[in-house]
Amino acid sequence: MFRDYKVYYNDSYLLITSVRPQMKEKFAKVLSGESAIADFLRKPDFLFNGSFNEPVLLLSDQPGNVLCCLMEHLDIVVAGGGIVLNEKEELLLIFRRGKWDLPKGKIELHETILSGAIREVAEETGVRIQSTEEKPVCTYHAYYLKGKNCLKHTEWFVMKAVPNQKDLTPQAEEDIEQALWVPRHKISQYREGCYPLIWDLIKGYAIL
């Protein structure tokens, strides 16, 4: 069975899927058929130019091939991040540039994505990691930066923090104003301040 792929852009997303019943959901556009998909792959401008900000459905028998074809024409950024829980099952959040976020960052040369994700958590919040789940959650984010159409491929690892880490240190040079542990019953209060990608991760993996 083919898997679905979500490419987030602006405050919305493109869903690439082979599951036709998803057409019943609310999408502002539906792209299907070889011609429409080829046109999109030649000119995926709405992902980058800010002209559109609604959910889009792309139907294909081979969703993975469509994603690979899209990636061929973009600048790919590889990043790693953490969905970090402490011994109280509280979630680690950061506040950066007006949004609540999860710690993440670009992977450096000669480091694995997992080691890079652990490093980014420590740099952005001061939190040390005790253990991680082996299998990451992958997300894709399309954006325009410095004249380039970029696609960020981020691998997120569910992590357990070393116990008794109360004093967090937000990384000011990365514009992080706050880092805090959020109790499970209060996580929903942060929804409106999150990017859709981040909220989808929290909803799926932070034990809501």
C-alpha atoms as a PDB file:
ATOM      1  CA  MET A   1       0.000   0.000   0.000  1.00  0.00           C
ATOM      2  CA  PHE A   2       1.292   3.459  -0.914  1.00  0.00           C
ATOM      3  CA  ARG A   3       1.688   5.994   1.847  1.00  0.00           C
ATOM      4  CA  ASP A   4       0.449   9.574   1.851  1.00  0.00           C
ATOM      5  CA  TYR A   5       2.752  12.598   1.872  1.00  0.00           C
ATOM      6  CA  LYS A   6       1.956  16.041   3.247  1.00  0.00           C
ATOM      7  CA  VAL A   7       3.938  19.020   2.010  1.00  0.00           C
ATOM      8  CA  TYR A   8       3.235  21.997   4.264  1.00  0.00           C
ATOM      9  CA  TYR A   9       3.373  25.529   2.856  1.00  0.00           C
ATOM     10  CA  ASN A  10       2.345  28.878   4.334  1.00  0.00           C
ATOM     11  CA  ASP A  11      -0.404  27.901   6.810  1.00  0.00           C
ATOM     12  CA  SER A  12      -1.717  25.017   4.748  1.00  0.00           C
ATOM     13  CA  TYR A  13      -0.621  21.813   3.024  1.00  0.00           C
ATOM     14  CA  LEU A  14      -0.552  19.743  -0.152  1.00  0.00           C
ATOM     15  CA  LEU A  15      -1.658  16.133   0.388  1.00  0.00           C
ATOM     16  CA  ILE A  16      -0.211  13.672  -2.137  1.00  0.00           C
ATOM     17  CA  THR A  17      -2.181  10.428  -1.982  1.00  0.00           C
ATOM     18  CA  SER A  18      -3.575   7.495  -3.927  1.00  0.00           C
ATOM     19  CA  VAL A  19      -6.663   7.264  -1.711  1.00  0.00           C
ATOM     20  CA  ARG A  20      -9.494   8.664  -3.820  1.00  0.00           C
ATOM     21  CA  PRO A  21     -12.118   8.791  -1.007  1.00  0.00           C
ATOM     22  CA  GLN A  22     -10.107  11.663   0.453  1.00  0.00           C
ATOM     23  CA  MET A  23     -11.756  13.794  -2.253  1.00  0.00           C
ATOM     24  CA  LYS A  24     -14.736  13.949   0.106  1.00  0.00           C
ATOM     25  CA  GLU A  25     -12.713  16.120   2.482  1.00  0.00           C
ATOM     26  CA  LYS A  26     -12.568  19.894   2.078  1.00  0.00           C
ATOM     27  CA  PHE A  27      -9.849  20.827  -0.411  1.00  0.00           C
ATOM     28  CA  ALA A  28      -9.689  24.096  -2.301  1.00  0.00           C
ATOM     29  CA  LYS A  29      -8.060  22.354  -5.278  1.00  0.00           C
ATOM     30  CA  VAL A  30      -7.873  18.773  -6.506  1.00  0.00           C
ATOM     31  CA  LEU A  31      -5.082  17.847  -8.908  1.00  0.00           C
ATOM     32  CA  SER A  32      -5.575  14.539 -10.693  1.00  0.00           C
ATOM     33  CA  GLY A  33      -4.683  13.037 -14.050  1.00  0.00           C
ATOM     34  CA  GLU A  34      -1.316  12.996 -15.799  1.00  0.00           C
ATOM     35  CA  SER A  35      -1.690  16.409 -17.402  1.00  0.00           C
ATOM     36  CA  ALA A  36      -2.628  18.270 -14.215  1.00  0.00           C
ATOM     37  CA  ILE A  37       0.144  16.576 -12.227  1.00  0.00           C
ATOM     38  CA  ALA A  38       2.735  17.278 -14.928  1.00  0.00           C
ATOM     39  CA  ASP A  39       1.698  20.935 -15.005  1.00  0.00           C
ATOM     40  CA  PHE A  40       2.063  21.159 -11.231  1.00  0.00           C
ATOM     41  CA  LEU A  41       5.511  19.537 -11.268  1.00  0.00           C
ATOM     42  CA  ARG A  42       6.679  21.959 -13.955  1.00  0.00           C
ATOM     43  CA  LYS A  43       5.385  24.962 -12.056  1.00  0.00           C
ATOM     44  CA  PRO A  44       4.620  24.370  -8.344  1.00  0.00           C
ATOM     45  CA  ASP A  45       4.619  28.131  -7.750  1.00  0.00           C
ATOM     46  CA  PHE A  46       1.770  28.285  -5.217  1.00  0.00           C
ATOM     47  CA  LEU A  47       3.923  26.392  -2.728  1.00  0.00           C
ATOM     48  CA  PHE A  48       6.414  29.253  -2.650  1.00  0.00           C
ATOM     49  CA  ASN A  49       4.990  32.590  -3.803  1.00  0.00           C
ATOM     50  CA  GLY A  50       2.321  33.152  -1.157  1.00  0.00           C
ATOM     51  CA  SER A  51      -0.464  33.381  -3.752  1.00  0.00           C
ATOM     52  CA  PHE A  52      -2.494  30.549  -2.232  1.00  0.00           C
ATOM     53  CA  ASN A  53      -3.062  29.354   1.311  1.00  0.00           C
ATOM     54  CA  GLU A  54      -5.617  26.543   1.202  1.00  0.00           C
ATOM     55  CA  PRO A  55      -5.436  22.720   1.363  1.00  0.00           C
ATOM     56  CA  VAL A  56      -4.712  21.029  -1.974  1.00  0.00           C
ATOM     57  CA  LEU A  57      -5.238  17.355  -2.830  1.00  0.00           C
ATOM     58  CA  LEU A  58      -3.069  15.643  -5.445  1.00  0.00           C
ATOM     59  CA  LEU A  59      -4.263  12.194  -6.493  1.00  0.00           C
ATOM     60  CA  SER A  60      -1.721   9.792  -7.967  1.00  0.00           C
ATOM     61  CA  ASP A  61      -1.286   6.036  -8.145  1.00  0.00           C
ATOM     62  CA  GLN A  62       2.346   6.594  -7.103  1.00  0.00           C
ATOM     63  CA  PRO A  63       2.524   9.348  -4.467  1.00  0.00           C
ATOM     64  CA  GLY A  64       6.181   8.662  -3.690  1.00  0.00           C
ATOM     65  CA  ASN A  65       7.191   9.185  -7.312  1.00  0.00           C
ATOM     66  CA  VAL A  66       5.365  12.524  -7.398  1.00  0.00           C
ATOM     67  CA  LEU A  67       7.202  13.679  -4.274  1.00  0.00           C
ATOM     68  CA  CYS A  68      10.554  12.558  -5.724  1.00  0.00           C
ATOM     69  CA  CYS A  69       9.873  14.417  -8.982  1.00  0.00           C
ATOM     70  CA  LEU A  70       8.967  17.546  -7.016  1.00  0.00           C
ATOM     71  CA  MET A  71      12.161  17.322  -4.971  1.00  0.00           C
ATOM     72  CA  GLU A  72      14.342  17.110  -8.092  1.00  0.00           C
ATOM     73  CA  HIS A  73      13.695  20.787  -8.853  1.00  0.00           C
ATOM     74  CA  LEU A  74      14.050  22.188  -5.324  1.00  0.00           C
ATOM     75  CA  ASP A  75      16.813  22.994  -2.871  1.00  0.00           C
ATOM     76  CA  ILE A  76      16.591  20.258  -0.227  1.00  0.00           C
ATOM     77  CA  VAL A  77      17.329  21.087   3.412  1.00  0.00           C
ATOM     78  CA  VAL A  78      17.768  18.157   5.810  1.00  0.00           C
ATOM     79  CA  ALA A  79      16.901  18.785   9.462  1.00  0.00           C
ATOM     80  CA  GLY A  80      16.328  16.887  12.682  1.00  0.00           C
ATOM     81  CA  GLY A  81      14.091  17.677  15.629  1.00  0.00           C
ATOM     82  CA  GLY A  82      12.731  16.383  18.880  1.00  0.00           C
ATOM     83  CA  ILE A  83       9.273  15.710  20.272  1.00  0.00           C
ATOM     84  CA  VAL A  84      10.593  15.761  23.820  1.00  0.00           C
ATOM     85  CA  LEU A  85       8.770  14.535  26.917  1.00  0.00           C
ATOM     86  CA  ASN A  86      10.027  14.603  30.489  1.00  0.00           C
ATOM     87  CA  GLU A  87       9.408  12.207  33.378  1.00  0.00           C
ATOM     88  CA  LYS A  88       6.039  13.924  34.017  1.00  0.00           C
ATOM     89  CA  GLU A  89       4.986  13.459  30.376  1.00  0.00           C
ATOM     90  CA  GLU A  90       5.230  17.224  29.882  1.00  0.00           C
ATOM     91  CA  LEU A  91       6.039  18.419  26.348  1.00  0.00           C
ATOM     92  CA  LEU A  92       9.002  20.659  25.553  1.00  0.00           C
ATOM     93  CA  LEU A  93       7.956  23.752  23.564  1.00  0.00           C
ATOM     94  CA  ILE A  94       9.893  26.792  22.377  1.00  0.00           C
ATOM     95  CA  PHE A  95       8.593  30.234  21.397  1.00  0.00           C
ATOM     96  CA  ARG A  96      10.338  31.652  18.335  1.00  0.00           C
ATOM     97  CA  ARG A  97       9.379  34.510  16.010  1.00  0.00           C
ATOM     98  CA  GLY A  98       5.836  34.726  17.300  1.00  0.00           C
ATOM     99  CA  LYS A  99       5.032  31.003  17.160  1.00  0.00           C
ATOM    100  CA  TRP A 100       5.153  28.016  19.466  1.00  0.00           C
ATOM    101  CA  ASP A 101       7.474  25.431  17.982  1.00  0.00           C
ATOM    102  CA  LEU A 102       9.442  22.258  18.640  1.00  0.00           C
ATOM    103  CA  PRO A 103      13.258  22.274  18.775  1.00  0.00           C
ATOM    104  CA  LYS A 104      14.865  21.387  15.453  1.00  0.00           C
ATOM    105  CA  GLY A 105      17.638  22.465  13.097  1.00  0.00           C
ATOM    106  CA  LYS A 106      19.779  21.695  10.073  1.00  0.00           C
ATOM    107  CA  ILE A 107      22.010  18.644  10.119  1.00  0.00           C
ATOM    108  CA  GLU A 108      25.717  19.369   9.988  1.00  0.00           C
ATOM    109  CA  LEU A 109      28.265  17.616   7.795  1.00  0.00           C
ATOM    110  CA  HIS A 110      29.364  14.205   9.098  1.00  0.00           C
ATOM    111  CA  GLU A 111      26.602  13.847  11.729  1.00  0.00           C
ATOM    112  CA  THR A 112      23.607  11.530  11.651  1.00  0.00           C
ATOM    113  CA  ILE A 113      20.116  13.012  11.675  1.00  0.00           C
ATOM    114  CA  LEU A 114      19.481  11.541  15.124  1.00  0.00           C
ATOM    115  CA  SER A 115      22.662  12.993  16.631  1.00  0.00           C
ATOM    116  CA  GLY A 116      21.886  16.319  14.959  1.00  0.00           C
ATOM    117  CA  ALA A 117      18.363  16.299  16.409  1.00  0.00           C
ATOM    118  CA  ILE A 118      19.719  15.635  19.929  1.00  0.00           C
ATOM    119  CA  ARG A 119      22.302  18.400  19.467  1.00  0.00           C
ATOM    120  CA  GLU A 120      19.637  20.874  18.332  1.00  0.00           C
ATOM    121  CA  VAL A 121      17.448  20.116  21.355  1.00  0.00           C
ATOM    122  CA  ALA A 122      20.398  20.760  23.664  1.00  0.00           C
ATOM    123  CA  GLU A 123      21.468  23.956  21.865  1.00  0.00           C
ATOM    124  CA  GLU A 124      17.989  25.463  21.637  1.00  0.00           C
ATOM    125  CA  THR A 125      16.724  24.574  25.117  1.00  0.00           C
ATOM    126  CA  GLY A 126      19.558  23.184  27.247  1.00  0.00           C
ATOM    127  CA  VAL A 127      17.698  19.877  27.644  1.00  0.00           C
ATOM    128  CA  ARG A 128      19.744  16.665  27.761  1.00  0.00           C
ATOM    129  CA  ILE A 129      18.228  13.508  26.273  1.00  0.00           C
ATOM    130  CA  GLN A 130      18.085  10.142  27.996  1.00  0.00           C
ATOM    131  CA  SER A 131      16.581   8.001  25.217  1.00  0.00           C
ATOM    132  CA  THR A 132      14.915   8.218  21.813  1.00  0.00           C
ATOM    133  CA  GLU A 133      12.549   6.113  19.757  1.00  0.00           C
ATOM    134  CA  GLU A 134      14.379   4.573  16.821  1.00  0.00           C
ATOM    135  CA  LYS A 135      11.915   5.332  14.035  1.00  0.00           C
ATOM    136  CA  PRO A 136      11.507   9.025  13.147  1.00  0.00           C
ATOM    137  CA  VAL A 137       8.452  10.877  11.871  1.00  0.00           C
ATOM    138  CA  CYS A 138       9.207  12.645   8.576  1.00  0.00           C
ATOM    139  CA  THR A 139       7.720  15.982   7.519  1.00  0.00           C
ATOM    140  CA  TYR A 140       8.120  18.221   4.466  1.00  0.00           C
ATOM    141  CA  HIS A 141       7.908  22.014   4.445  1.00  0.00           C
ATOM    142  CA  ALA A 142       8.065  24.099   1.247  1.00  0.00           C
ATOM    143  CA  TYR A 143       9.254  27.715   1.458  1.00  0.00           C
ATOM    144  CA  TYR A 144      11.031  30.445  -0.487  1.00  0.00           C
ATOM    145  CA  LEU A 145      14.312  31.798   0.868  1.00  0.00           C
ATOM    146  CA  LYS A 146      17.042  33.976  -0.657  1.00  0.00           C
ATOM    147  CA  GLY A 147      15.890  33.440  -4.222  1.00  0.00           C
ATOM    148  CA  LYS A 148      15.477  29.673  -3.886  1.00  0.00           C
ATOM    149  CA  ASN A 149      12.506  27.327  -3.712  1.00  0.00           C
ATOM    150  CA  CYS A 150      13.320  25.085  -0.749  1.00  0.00           C
ATOM    151  CA  LEU A 151      11.907  21.893   0.676  1.00  0.00           C
ATOM    152  CA  LYS A 152      12.867  21.044   4.249  1.00  0.00           C
ATOM    153  CA  HIS A 153      12.887  17.338   5.024  1.00  0.00           C
ATOM    154  CA  THR A 154      12.797  16.994   8.803  1.00  0.00           C
ATOM    155  CA  GLU A 155      13.075  13.766  10.774  1.00  0.00           C
ATOM    156  CA  TRP A 156      11.465  14.087  14.205  1.00  0.00           C
ATOM    157  CA  PHE A 157      12.343  11.712  17.031  1.00  0.00           C
ATOM    158  CA  VAL A 158      10.184  11.121  20.090  1.00  0.00           C
ATOM    159  CA  MET A 159      12.628  11.664  22.975  1.00  0.00           C
ATOM    160  CA  LYS A 160      12.730  11.180  26.733  1.00  0.00           C
ATOM    161  CA  ALA A 161      14.601  13.865  28.647  1.00  0.00           C
ATOM    162  CA  VAL A 162      17.010  13.205  31.482  1.00  0.00           C
ATOM    163  CA  PRO A 163      14.870  13.644  34.648  1.00  0.00           C
ATOM    164  CA  ASN A 164      14.770  16.767  36.837  1.00  0.00           C
ATOM    165  CA  GLN A 165      15.640  19.356  34.204  1.00  0.00           C
ATOM    166  CA  LYS A 166      13.628  22.370  35.308  1.00  0.00           C
ATOM    167  CA  ASP A 167      15.873  25.295  34.346  1.00  0.00           C
ATOM    168  CA  LEU A 168      15.717  25.646  30.567  1.00  0.00           C
ATOM    169  CA  THR A 169      17.966  27.939  28.514  1.00  0.00           C
ATOM    170  CA  PRO A 170      16.339  29.300  25.324  1.00  0.00           C
ATOM    171  CA  GLN A 171      18.908  30.007  22.599  1.00  0.00           C
ATOM    172  CA  ALA A 172      18.603  33.775  22.119  1.00  0.00           C
ATOM    173  CA  GLU A 173      20.867  33.869  19.054  1.00  0.00           C
ATOM    174  CA  GLU A 174      18.297  31.681  17.281  1.00  0.00           C
ATOM    175  CA  ASP A 175      15.492  34.089  18.267  1.00  0.00           C
ATOM    176  CA  ILE A 176      14.110  31.679  20.865  1.00  0.00           C
ATOM    177  CA  GLU A 177      12.414  33.725  23.564  1.00  0.00           C
ATOM    178  CA  GLN A 178      11.070  30.919  25.742  1.00  0.00           C
ATOM    179  CA  ALA A 179      11.551  27.216  26.366  1.00  0.00           C
ATOM    180  CA  LEU A 180       9.132  25.488  28.709  1.00  0.00           C
ATOM    181  CA  TRP A 181       7.590  22.213  29.791  1.00  0.00           C
ATOM    182  CA  VAL A 182       3.865  22.105  29.080  1.00  0.00           C
ATOM    183  CA  PRO A 183       1.661  19.743  31.146  1.00  0.00           C
ATOM    184  CA  ARG A 184      -0.354  17.300  29.126  1.00  0.00           C
ATOM    185  CA  HIS A 185      -3.735  18.822  30.048  1.00  0.00           C
ATOM    186  CA  LYS A 186      -2.621  22.299  28.910  1.00  0.00           C
ATOM    187  CA  ILE A 187      -1.140  21.432  25.497  1.00  0.00           C
ATOM    188  CA  SER A 188      -4.359  22.226  23.625  1.00  0.00           C
ATOM    189  CA  GLN A 189      -4.106  25.852  24.805  1.00  0.00           C
ATOM    190  CA  TYR A 190      -1.113  26.329  22.496  1.00  0.00           C
ATOM    191  CA  ARG A 191      -2.809  25.167  19.312  1.00  0.00           C
ATOM    192  CA  GLU A 192      -3.625  28.604  17.904  1.00  0.00           C
ATOM    193  CA  GLY A 193      -0.021  29.707  18.299  1.00  0.00           C
ATOM    194  CA  CYS A 194       1.467  26.744  16.410  1.00  0.00           C
ATOM    195  CA  TYR A 195       2.225  26.229  12.746  1.00  0.00           C
ATOM    196  CA  PRO A 196      -0.075  23.539  11.254  1.00  0.00           C
ATOM    197  CA  LEU A 197       2.873  21.187  10.767  1.00  0.00           C
ATOM    198  CA  ILE A 198       3.914  21.530  14.392  1.00  0.00           C
ATOM    199  CA  TRP A 199       0.385  21.060  15.703  1.00  0.00           C
ATOM    200  CA  ASP A 200      -0.070  17.917  13.602  1.00  0.00           C
ATOM    201  CA  LEU A 201       3.089  16.502  15.178  1.00  0.00           C
ATOM    202  CA  ILE A 202       1.981  17.411  18.687  1.00  0.00           C
ATOM    203  CA  LYS A 203      -1.486  15.995  18.101  1.00  0.00           C
ATOM    204  CA  GLY A 204      -0.106  12.720  16.785  1.00  0.00           C
ATOM    205  CA  TYR A 205       2.841  12.074  19.045  1.00  0.00           C
ATOM    206  CA  ALA A 206       2.674  14.104  22.269  1.00  0.00           C
ATOM    207  CA  ILE A 207       0.084  11.955  24.034  1.00  0.00           C
ATOM    208  CA  LEU A 208      -2.817  14.399  23.915  1.00  0.00           C
END
